[in-house]
Amino acid sequence: PILEYSIQLFVSNNYQLVKKKLNFIINKNYKTQNKQNYVLNEKDFFIVAFIHELDKEFILLYKNFTSRDLALDYCLKHLNFLSKCLIVNAQNLD
């Protein structure tokens, strides 16, 4: 499937740091912070590279949605460990 709208969890120009954050999230699974106890599925994570003229940034994304509204709604309801829901249109990253 083509990645459309997704929830940004973390960004860095260091790929290893992004992988480390992903492993932390998967291992911790945020069960203690997520009151509704949703399990985060490893298959729902994506790391994409955003290359611009100054550098490249690696973005850790969670889930794939067909619209910004669906992604935001999911984020607000299920990802209460995030201080802010940032929705990325992955089609605009190139």
Protein backbone atom coordinates (compact mmCIF):
# COMPACT_ATOMS: atom_id res chain seq x y z
CA PRO A 1 0.00 0.00 0.00
CA ILE A 2 1.04 3.58 -0.64
CA LEU A 3 1.69 5.64 2.46
CA GLU A 4 -0.77 8.55 2.55
CA TYR A 5 -1.43 10.30 5.87
CA SER A 6 0.43 9.21 8.96
CA ILE A 7 1.12 10.28 12.54
CA GLN A 8 4.60 11.63 13.21
CA LEU A 9 6.12 10.21 16.38
CA PHE A 10 9.75 11.31 16.09
CA VAL A 11 12.20 12.93 13.69
CA SER A 12 15.99 13.13 13.55
CA ASN A 13 18.77 13.42 11.01
CA ASN A 14 20.35 10.40 12.73
CA TYR A 15 18.82 7.15 11.42
CA GLN A 16 20.17 5.11 14.34
CA LEU A 17 18.47 7.46 16.79
CA VAL A 18 15.15 6.96 15.00
CA LYS A 19 15.61 3.17 15.11
CA LYS A 20 16.43 3.41 18.80
CA LYS A 21 13.25 5.40 19.42
CA LEU A 22 11.22 2.86 17.46
CA ASN A 23 12.67 -0.01 19.50
CA PHE A 24 11.92 1.89 22.71
CA ILE A 25 8.31 2.46 21.68
CA ILE A 26 7.82 -1.17 20.66
CA ASN A 27 9.46 -2.54 23.81
CA LYS A 28 7.72 -0.14 26.17
CA ASN A 29 4.48 -0.26 24.18
CA TYR A 30 3.29 2.65 26.30
CA LYS A 31 0.92 0.39 28.25
CA THR A 32 1.49 2.30 31.46
CA GLN A 33 0.71 5.65 29.84
CA ASN A 34 -2.09 4.62 27.53
CA LYS A 35 -5.25 4.41 29.63
CA GLN A 36 -7.13 2.57 26.90
CA ASN A 37 -4.28 0.06 26.59
CA TYR A 38 -4.09 -0.06 22.80
CA VAL A 39 -1.31 -2.30 21.58
CA LEU A 40 1.00 -0.70 19.04
CA ASN A 41 1.66 -3.12 16.20
CA GLU A 42 5.23 -3.14 14.87
CA LYS A 43 3.89 -3.50 11.31
CA ASP A 44 2.17 -0.11 11.64
CA PHE A 45 5.44 1.84 11.97
CA PHE A 46 7.30 3.42 9.06
CA ILE A 47 10.59 5.25 8.79
CA VAL A 48 10.77 7.60 5.83
CA ALA A 49 13.60 9.84 4.68
CA PHE A 50 12.88 13.47 3.92
CA ILE A 51 15.78 14.80 1.86
CA HIS A 52 16.14 18.55 1.51
CA GLU A 53 18.96 20.83 0.43
CA LEU A 54 20.52 21.17 3.90
CA ASP A 55 20.37 17.58 5.15
CA LYS A 56 18.15 14.55 5.34
CA GLU A 57 15.76 13.79 8.15
CA PHE A 58 14.34 10.43 9.12
CA ILE A 59 10.74 10.52 10.27
CA LEU A 60 9.16 7.83 12.42
CA LEU A 61 5.52 7.50 11.38
CA TYR A 62 2.70 5.44 12.81
CA LYS A 63 -0.13 3.91 10.81
CA ASN A 64 -1.42 4.76 7.36
CA PHE A 65 -4.70 6.62 6.84
CA THR A 66 -6.59 7.74 3.74
CA SER A 67 -7.27 11.23 5.14
CA ARG A 68 -5.84 13.76 7.56
CA ASP A 69 -9.12 13.74 9.52
CA LEU A 70 -9.00 9.97 10.10
CA ALA A 71 -5.39 10.17 11.25
CA LEU A 72 -6.07 13.06 13.61
CA ASP A 73 -9.15 11.37 15.05
CA TYR A 74 -7.20 8.16 15.70
CA CYS A 75 -4.33 10.06 17.25
CA LEU A 76 -6.53 12.07 19.60
CA LYS A 77 -8.46 8.98 20.73
CA HIS A 78 -5.70 6.39 20.99
CA LEU A 79 -2.26 7.98 21.30
CA ASN A 80 -2.58 9.93 24.51
CA PHE A 81 1.17 9.58 25.17
CA LEU A 82 1.78 12.23 22.49
CA SER A 83 1.73 15.85 23.61
CA LYS A 84 0.58 16.94 20.14
CA CYS A 85 -0.79 15.07 17.15
CA LEU A 86 1.20 15.94 14.06
CA ILE A 87 -0.22 14.47 10.86
CA VAL A 88 2.09 14.11 7.86
CA ASN A 89 0.99 13.87 4.25
CA ALA A 90 3.60 11.33 3.16
CA GLN A 91 2.85 12.02 -0.50
CA ASN A 92 4.40 15.49 -0.06
CA LEU A 93 7.72 14.31 1.35
CA ASP A 94 9.57 14.00 -1.96
